[in-house]
Amino acid sequence: MSIKTAYSTKDLPDALADLKTQSADCRPRAVIFFASSKYDPVELSRQMKAAFPEACVAGCSTAGEIAGGKMMTDSIAAMFLDEEIVGQTALAVVENLSGHVTVRDAFSQMERELHAPVSSLDIEKYVGLVLVDGLSGAEEALMERIGDRTDIFFLGGSAGDDLKFAATHVMADGGAYTNAAVLLLLELKRGFDIVKTQSFQATGKTLVATAVDESLRLVVEFDYKPALEAYAQALGVSPEEAPSLFMKHPLGLMVDGDPFVRSPQRVDDRGILFYCHIKQGMELEVLQATDIVAGTRCAIETRKATGVSVSGIIDFQCILRTLQLRAENRCDQYGAIFSGIPTAGFSTYGEAYLGHMNQTSTILVFR
């Protein structure tokens, strides 16, 4: 089998033995894993590389895991890609995200591994995965620097720590890092597709960010009014009631009618803090939540209906979507969408695709 997935809820080192048993008939060229913060990241990364020494191995800590048609916690979920799926691989770590973000050295390292400039790679065959410290606040800068260097699509997610918001980790070939990102380039022999679904619809109401502190992801004013007041007016509620509606009514940067979601986090004495940067002058649509399960199922079924094969899926799912599914007791329904398809993924602190966004499921589909 060209793609296999496995998961384990056991402690180390038994969890690694469990994963190896489940992947026994696979000789992976790449191993991608997502693990609860209950696992020591240094030891986990070391043991993952030791267990699969010939593979390119990358992973991160999570706020929940996805594998085997299930949404889980306190587990390790892993995907194994063999030579039928993956040709060349290249792996690099971008460190010191809290400083001036640069990807120059990481791209140079990947080019040495590929024996070719990244600019020469076929964007129909190569895809990039990005796993980033979810507490760094540097996702936007990182994705901008990547976009400056290549037209290859990079997608992924921000590492979590099971909602402790203390420390998140990315892992690569036996090392574990904070304040860092892992970049993984894969040559996919059969090609790939990217599916983005956010389960929101536009309300027809817009807000323009007229005063922002981008470094803090803070909007001070919308439409030249205090941010909370303007947001509440758009929803027809009081400012006191508005924060309780943040999850159901985030804002969307509309691109060809498709929202790239910016989720409000909380109110402070200056305005509204968001999980994503909002730039000065940006016009945003007020969104209305729809059914996550139905929306995701429709996105996957639409992709299947193209007639192109689906060999496997990596699902980068926002923790805010996961929290809503948990509150609605619908995690089993969501996991069942991927039954019969080798799938691995995790609940993220933000999603990466053409930038940084929230409350989205960003999905890599292997053909």
Protein backbone atom coordinates (compact mmCIF):
# COMPACT_ATOMS: atom_id res chain seq x y z
CA MET A 1 0.00 0.00 0.00
CA SER A 2 1.43 3.40 -1.01
CA ILE A 3 -0.10 5.38 1.90
CA LYS A 4 -0.73 4.06 5.37
CA THR A 5 -1.89 5.77 8.53
CA ALA A 6 -1.64 4.66 12.12
CA TYR A 7 -2.33 5.97 15.59
CA SER A 8 -1.55 5.05 19.17
CA THR A 9 -2.65 6.25 22.58
CA LYS A 10 0.12 4.36 24.38
CA ASP A 11 2.98 6.02 26.22
CA LEU A 12 6.53 6.08 24.88
CA PRO A 13 8.24 3.87 23.89
CA ASP A 14 5.28 1.51 23.47
CA ALA A 15 3.55 4.00 21.16
CA LEU A 16 6.42 3.76 18.68
CA ALA A 17 6.29 -0.02 18.72
CA ASP A 18 2.56 0.27 18.10
CA LEU A 19 3.06 2.56 15.09
CA LYS A 20 5.78 0.33 13.66
CA THR A 21 3.53 -2.71 13.92
CA GLN A 22 0.70 -0.91 12.11
CA SER A 23 3.07 0.20 9.33
CA ALA A 24 5.00 -3.06 9.11
CA ASP A 25 4.47 -3.65 5.38
CA CYS A 26 5.35 -0.06 4.40
CA ARG A 27 8.86 1.25 3.63
CA PRO A 28 8.20 4.97 3.95
CA ARG A 29 10.16 7.69 2.21
CA ALA A 30 8.36 10.24 4.37
CA VAL A 31 6.70 10.01 7.79
CA ILE A 32 4.47 12.88 8.96
CA PHE A 33 3.16 12.75 12.51
CA PHE A 34 0.98 14.78 14.86
CA ALA A 35 1.15 14.21 18.60
CA SER A 36 -0.52 15.34 21.80
CA SER A 37 1.55 17.57 24.04
CA LYS A 38 1.45 14.80 26.65
CA TYR A 39 4.45 13.33 24.82
CA ASP A 40 7.87 14.81 25.56
CA PRO A 41 8.75 16.40 22.19
CA VAL A 42 12.50 15.82 22.42
CA GLU A 43 12.11 12.14 23.21
CA LEU A 44 9.25 11.67 20.75
CA SER A 45 11.16 13.20 17.85
CA ARG A 46 14.26 11.17 18.65
CA GLN A 47 12.31 7.92 18.83
CA MET A 48 10.34 8.65 15.64
CA LYS A 49 13.54 9.15 13.66
CA ALA A 50 15.14 6.07 15.24
CA ALA A 51 12.08 4.01 14.32
CA PHE A 52 12.13 5.18 10.69
CA PRO A 53 15.79 6.05 10.02
CA GLU A 54 15.60 5.93 6.22
CA ALA A 55 12.59 8.25 5.99
CA CYS A 56 12.24 12.01 6.06
CA VAL A 57 10.42 12.52 9.40
CA ALA A 58 8.49 15.66 10.40
CA GLY A 59 5.78 16.43 12.93
CA CYS A 60 4.41 18.75 15.58
CA SER A 61 2.47 18.94 18.81
CA THR A 62 -1.29 19.34 18.58
CA ALA A 63 -4.60 20.28 20.16
CA GLY A 64 -6.18 17.00 19.03
CA GLU A 65 -5.39 14.35 16.44
CA ILE A 66 -7.19 12.83 13.44
CA ALA A 67 -6.60 9.30 12.08
CA GLY A 68 -8.45 6.14 11.24
CA GLY A 69 -11.77 7.93 10.77
CA LYS A 70 -11.56 9.30 14.32
CA MET A 71 -10.99 12.57 16.10
CA MET A 72 -8.82 11.85 19.11
CA THR A 73 -6.86 13.35 21.99
CA ASP A 74 -3.78 12.17 23.90
CA SER A 75 -2.52 10.22 20.92
CA ILE A 76 -0.01 10.13 18.07
CA ALA A 77 -1.36 10.09 14.50
CA ALA A 78 1.05 9.28 11.68
CA MET A 79 1.07 9.00 7.90
CA PHE A 80 3.55 6.86 5.97
CA LEU A 81 4.25 7.65 2.32
CA ASP A 82 6.24 5.17 0.25
CA GLU A 83 8.06 5.45 -3.08
CA GLU A 84 4.89 4.91 -5.10
CA ILE A 85 3.68 8.30 -3.84
CA VAL A 86 6.84 10.25 -2.97
CA GLY A 87 9.94 10.86 -5.05
CA GLN A 88 12.33 13.50 -3.79
CA THR A 89 12.03 14.98 -0.30
CA ALA A 90 13.68 17.94 1.39
CA LEU A 91 13.39 19.09 4.98
CA ALA A 92 14.52 22.28 6.70
CA VAL A 93 13.93 24.16 9.96
CA VAL A 94 13.37 27.91 10.18
CA GLU A 95 14.47 29.07 13.62
CA ASN A 96 14.16 32.32 15.59
CA LEU A 97 10.68 33.26 14.37
CA SER A 98 10.45 35.95 17.04
CA GLY A 99 13.27 37.82 15.30
CA HIS A 100 13.44 38.86 11.66
CA VAL A 101 11.85 35.94 9.82
CA THR A 102 13.98 34.69 6.93
CA VAL A 103 13.70 31.46 4.94
CA ARG A 104 16.88 31.94 2.90
CA ASP A 105 18.95 29.35 4.74
CA ALA A 106 16.07 26.87 4.83
CA PHE A 107 15.56 27.14 1.07
CA SER A 108 19.29 26.78 0.48
CA GLN A 109 19.30 23.61 2.55
CA MET A 110 16.34 22.18 0.64
CA GLU A 111 18.01 23.01 -2.67
CA ARG A 112 21.14 21.14 -1.60
CA GLU A 113 19.03 18.11 -0.74
CA LEU A 114 17.17 18.30 -4.05
CA HIS A 115 20.27 19.13 -6.12
CA ALA A 116 18.18 21.76 -7.88
CA PRO A 117 16.91 25.30 -7.31
CA VAL A 118 13.40 25.40 -5.88
CA SER A 119 12.47 27.78 -8.71
CA SER A 120 13.02 24.94 -11.20
CA LEU A 121 10.56 22.52 -9.58
CA ASP A 122 7.26 21.58 -11.20
CA ILE A 123 4.47 23.18 -9.13
CA GLU A 124 2.09 20.45 -10.31
CA LYS A 125 4.25 17.74 -8.73
CA TYR A 126 5.89 19.41 -5.73
CA VAL A 127 4.02 20.55 -2.64
CA GLY A 128 5.28 22.08 0.57
CA LEU A 129 4.11 21.38 4.10
CA VAL A 130 4.67 23.96 6.83
CA LEU A 131 4.40 23.21 10.56
CA VAL A 132 4.96 26.25 12.74
CA ASP A 133 5.12 27.06 16.45
CA GLY A 134 1.53 28.01 17.17
CA LEU A 135 2.46 30.53 19.84
CA SER A 136 5.06 32.38 17.76
CA GLY A 137 2.67 34.91 16.21
CA ALA A 138 4.93 34.76 13.15
CA GLU A 139 2.80 32.77 10.72
CA GLU A 140 1.97 35.70 8.46
CA ALA A 141 5.59 36.79 8.11
CA LEU A 142 6.69 33.20 7.49
CA MET A 143 4.13 32.60 4.74
CA GLU A 144 4.98 35.93 3.12
CA ARG A 145 8.69 35.02 3.02
CA ILE A 146 7.88 31.60 1.55
CA GLY A 147 5.65 33.23 -1.08
CA ASP A 148 8.46 35.60 -1.99
CA ARG A 149 10.72 32.63 -2.78
CA THR A 150 8.50 30.19 -4.66
CA ASP A 151 5.20 29.58 -6.45
CA ILE A 152 5.01 26.07 -4.97
CA PHE A 153 1.97 25.73 -2.74
CA PHE A 154 2.81 25.44 0.95
CA LEU A 155 0.04 24.45 3.34
CA GLY A 156 -0.11 23.22 6.89
CA GLY A 157 -0.89 24.31 10.39
CA SER A 158 0.27 25.89 13.61
CA ALA A 159 1.28 23.46 16.33
CA GLY A 160 -0.88 23.22 19.45
CA ASP A 161 -0.45 22.15 23.05
CA ASP A 162 -3.89 20.84 24.02
CA LEU A 163 -5.15 24.33 24.88
CA LYS A 164 -2.54 24.93 27.59
CA PHE A 165 -1.05 27.83 25.56
CA ALA A 166 2.31 27.30 27.27
CA ALA A 167 4.64 25.82 24.62
CA THR A 168 4.16 24.25 21.21
CA HIS A 169 6.77 22.25 19.31
CA VAL A 170 7.72 21.32 15.77
CA MET A 171 9.88 18.29 15.07
CA ALA A 172 12.19 17.29 12.23
CA ASP A 173 14.48 14.27 11.74
CA GLY A 174 15.04 13.69 15.44
CA GLY A 175 15.13 17.29 16.65
CA ALA A 176 12.45 19.28 18.51
CA TYR A 177 12.09 23.05 18.28
CA THR A 178 10.14 26.01 19.61
CA ASN A 179 10.03 29.48 18.07
CA ALA A 180 10.55 27.65 14.78
CA ALA A 181 8.89 26.15 11.73
CA VAL A 182 9.49 22.97 9.75
CA LEU A 183 9.34 23.13 5.96
CA LEU A 184 8.91 19.85 4.08
CA LEU A 185 9.01 19.65 0.28
CA LEU A 186 7.57 16.53 -1.31
CA GLU A 187 7.66 15.39 -4.92
CA LEU A 188 4.29 13.67 -5.35
CA LYS A 189 4.48 11.33 -8.33
CA ARG A 190 0.72 11.16 -8.86
CA GLY A 191 0.05 14.81 -8.12
CA PHE A 192 -2.17 16.39 -5.50
CA ASP A 193 -5.08 18.74 -4.84
CA ILE A 194 -5.80 21.22 -2.07
CA VAL A 195 -9.28 21.54 -0.56
CA LYS A 196 -10.15 24.44 1.73
CA THR A 197 -13.44 24.50 3.58
CA GLN A 198 -14.51 26.88 6.34
CA SER A 199 -18.25 26.27 6.80
CA PHE A 200 -19.29 29.91 6.76
CA GLN A 201 -21.44 32.03 4.50
CA ALA A 202 -21.30 35.76 3.88
CA THR A 203 -23.93 37.98 5.49
CA GLY A 204 -23.56 40.91 3.10
CA LYS A 205 -22.29 43.13 5.91
CA THR A 206 -18.74 44.47 5.76
CA LEU A 207 -16.32 46.15 8.13
CA VAL A 208 -13.23 48.12 7.13
CA ALA A 209 -10.26 48.07 9.52
CA THR A 210 -9.47 51.77 9.94
CA ALA A 211 -7.05 51.52 12.89
CA VAL A 212 -4.92 48.46 13.64
CA ASP A 213 -1.87 47.37 15.58
CA GLU A 214 -0.71 44.62 13.24
CA SER A 215 2.11 43.47 15.52
CA LEU A 216 -0.47 42.49 18.17
CA ARG A 217 -3.16 41.26 15.74
CA LEU A 218 -5.30 44.02 17.24
CA VAL A 219 -8.05 46.00 15.52
CA VAL A 220 -8.67 49.28 17.29
CA GLU A 221 -11.33 50.66 14.91
CA PHE A 222 -13.67 49.41 12.23
CA ASP A 223 -15.31 52.07 10.05
CA TYR A 224 -13.71 54.78 12.26
CA LYS A 225 -15.63 53.51 15.29
CA PRO A 226 -14.33 51.52 18.27
CA ALA A 227 -13.88 48.00 16.96
CA LEU A 228 -16.26 46.26 19.37
CA GLU A 229 -18.97 48.88 18.84
CA ALA A 230 -18.79 48.58 15.05
CA TYR A 231 -18.74 44.76 15.17
CA ALA A 232 -21.77 44.71 17.50
CA GLN A 233 -23.69 47.13 15.26
CA ALA A 234 -23.05 44.89 12.24
CA LEU A 235 -24.66 42.00 14.13
CA GLY A 236 -27.45 44.09 15.64
CA VAL A 237 -26.47 43.26 19.23
CA SER A 238 -25.04 45.13 22.19
CA PRO A 239 -21.26 45.40 22.69
CA GLU A 240 -21.65 43.35 25.86
CA GLU A 241 -23.26 40.48 23.93
CA ALA A 242 -20.92 40.59 20.92
CA PRO A 243 -17.95 38.57 22.30
CA SER A 244 -20.21 35.55 22.82
CA LEU A 245 -20.77 35.52 19.05
CA PHE A 246 -17.12 35.55 17.97
CA MET A 247 -17.02 31.86 16.99
CA LYS A 248 -20.26 31.98 15.01
CA HIS A 249 -19.51 35.31 13.35
CA PRO A 250 -15.83 35.70 12.49
CA LEU A 251 -14.71 37.97 9.68
CA GLY A 252 -13.61 36.92 6.21
CA LEU A 253 -11.18 38.40 3.70
CA MET A 254 -13.04 37.62 0.49
CA VAL A 255 -11.03 36.38 -2.50
CA ASP A 256 -13.18 35.61 -5.56
CA GLY A 257 -16.14 35.03 -3.25
CA ASP A 258 -14.21 32.66 -0.99
CA PRO A 259 -13.58 33.74 2.63
CA PHE A 260 -10.17 33.52 4.27
CA VAL A 261 -11.29 33.61 7.89
CA ARG A 262 -9.97 35.97 10.57
CA SER A 263 -11.33 34.92 13.96
CA PRO A 264 -11.78 37.31 16.89
CA GLN A 265 -10.03 36.05 20.00
CA ARG A 266 -10.97 38.44 22.78
CA VAL A 267 -11.60 42.05 23.69
CA ASP A 268 -9.03 44.21 25.46
CA ASP A 269 -9.12 47.86 26.49
CA ARG A 270 -7.97 49.00 23.03
CA GLY A 271 -10.12 46.90 20.73
CA ILE A 272 -10.52 43.32 19.46
CA LEU A 273 -7.60 40.90 19.37
CA PHE A 274 -7.68 38.41 16.48
CA TYR A 275 -6.00 35.06 15.86
CA CYS A 276 -4.79 36.44 12.50
CA HIS A 277 -3.30 39.71 11.35
CA ILE A 278 -5.70 42.23 9.85
CA LYS A 279 -4.07 44.99 7.83
CA GLN A 280 -4.96 48.67 7.84
CA GLY A 281 -7.68 49.38 5.26
CA MET A 282 -8.65 45.71 4.84
CA GLU A 283 -12.34 45.20 4.02
CA LEU A 284 -13.81 42.16 5.71
CA GLU A 285 -17.12 40.37 5.40
CA VAL A 286 -19.07 39.45 8.53
CA LEU A 287 -19.64 35.70 8.33
CA GLN A 288 -22.37 33.36 9.53
CA ALA A 289 -21.55 29.83 10.69
CA THR A 290 -22.99 26.89 8.77
CA ASP A 291 -22.82 23.12 9.41
CA ILE A 292 -19.19 21.97 9.72
CA VAL A 293 -19.94 18.29 9.12
CA ALA A 294 -22.18 18.93 6.12
CA GLY A 295 -19.80 21.48 4.65
CA THR A 296 -16.73 19.27 4.98
CA ARG A 297 -18.57 16.23 3.67
CA CYS A 298 -19.71 18.24 0.65
CA ALA A 299 -16.14 19.45 -0.01
CA ILE A 300 -14.76 15.90 0.07
CA GLU A 301 -17.62 14.43 -1.98
CA THR A 302 -17.21 17.19 -4.56
CA ARG A 303 -13.53 16.32 -4.83
CA LYS A 304 -14.32 12.61 -5.21
CA ALA A 305 -16.87 13.39 -7.92
CA THR A 306 -14.10 14.67 -10.19
CA GLY A 307 -13.19 11.04 -10.81
CA VAL A 308 -9.54 11.62 -9.88
CA SER A 309 -8.28 9.14 -7.30
CA VAL A 310 -7.98 9.99 -3.59
CA SER A 311 -5.10 7.94 -2.17
CA GLY A 312 -4.87 9.78 1.14
CA ILE A 313 -5.59 13.00 3.02
CA ILE A 314 -3.84 15.25 5.52
CA ASP A 315 -6.37 17.44 7.35
CA PHE A 316 -5.22 20.62 9.06
CA GLN A 317 -8.29 21.46 11.12
CA CYS A 318 -8.68 24.60 13.23
CA ILE A 319 -9.06 24.02 16.95
CA LEU A 320 -12.06 26.38 16.93
CA ARG A 321 -13.84 23.99 14.55
CA THR A 322 -12.86 21.10 16.79
CA LEU A 323 -14.20 22.87 19.87
CA GLN A 324 -17.50 23.47 18.09
CA LEU A 325 -17.70 19.81 17.07
CA ARG A 326 -16.96 18.74 20.65
CA ALA A 327 -19.64 21.07 21.99
CA GLU A 328 -22.14 19.65 19.49
CA ASN A 329 -21.03 16.06 20.21
CA ARG A 330 -20.33 15.54 16.50
CA CYS A 331 -16.68 14.50 16.45
CA ASP A 332 -17.60 10.96 15.39
CA GLN A 333 -19.63 12.34 12.49
CA TYR A 334 -16.73 14.48 11.37
CA GLY A 335 -14.21 11.65 11.59
CA ALA A 336 -16.53 9.37 9.61
CA ILE A 337 -16.25 11.71 6.60
CA PHE A 338 -12.75 10.30 6.04
CA SER A 339 -13.59 6.63 6.63
CA GLY A 340 -12.09 4.44 3.94
CA ILE A 341 -9.44 7.04 3.05
CA PRO A 342 -5.99 6.89 4.69
CA THR A 343 -6.16 10.13 6.70
CA ALA A 344 -4.02 11.85 9.30
CA GLY A 345 -4.30 15.35 10.69
CA PHE A 346 -4.54 17.51 13.74
CA SER A 347 -6.37 20.36 15.44
CA THR A 348 -4.28 23.44 14.80
CA TYR A 349 -3.76 26.89 16.29
CA GLY A 350 -4.13 28.29 12.76
CA GLU A 351 -4.01 27.09 9.16
CA ALA A 352 -1.53 27.91 6.41
CA TYR A 353 -2.47 28.21 2.75
CA LEU A 354 -1.86 31.37 0.70
CA GLY A 355 -1.26 33.01 4.08
CA HIS A 356 -2.45 32.41 7.63
CA MET A 357 -6.12 31.95 8.55
CA ASN A 358 -8.49 30.50 11.16
CA GLN A 359 -11.61 28.36 11.53
CA THR A 360 -10.74 26.46 8.37
CA SER A 361 -10.03 22.89 7.37
CA THR A 362 -7.12 22.96 4.92
CA ILE A 363 -6.75 19.57 3.29
CA LEU A 364 -3.98 18.04 1.19
CA VAL A 365 -5.38 15.35 -1.10
CA PHE A 366 -2.96 12.79 -2.49
CA ARG A 367 -3.97 11.43 -5.89
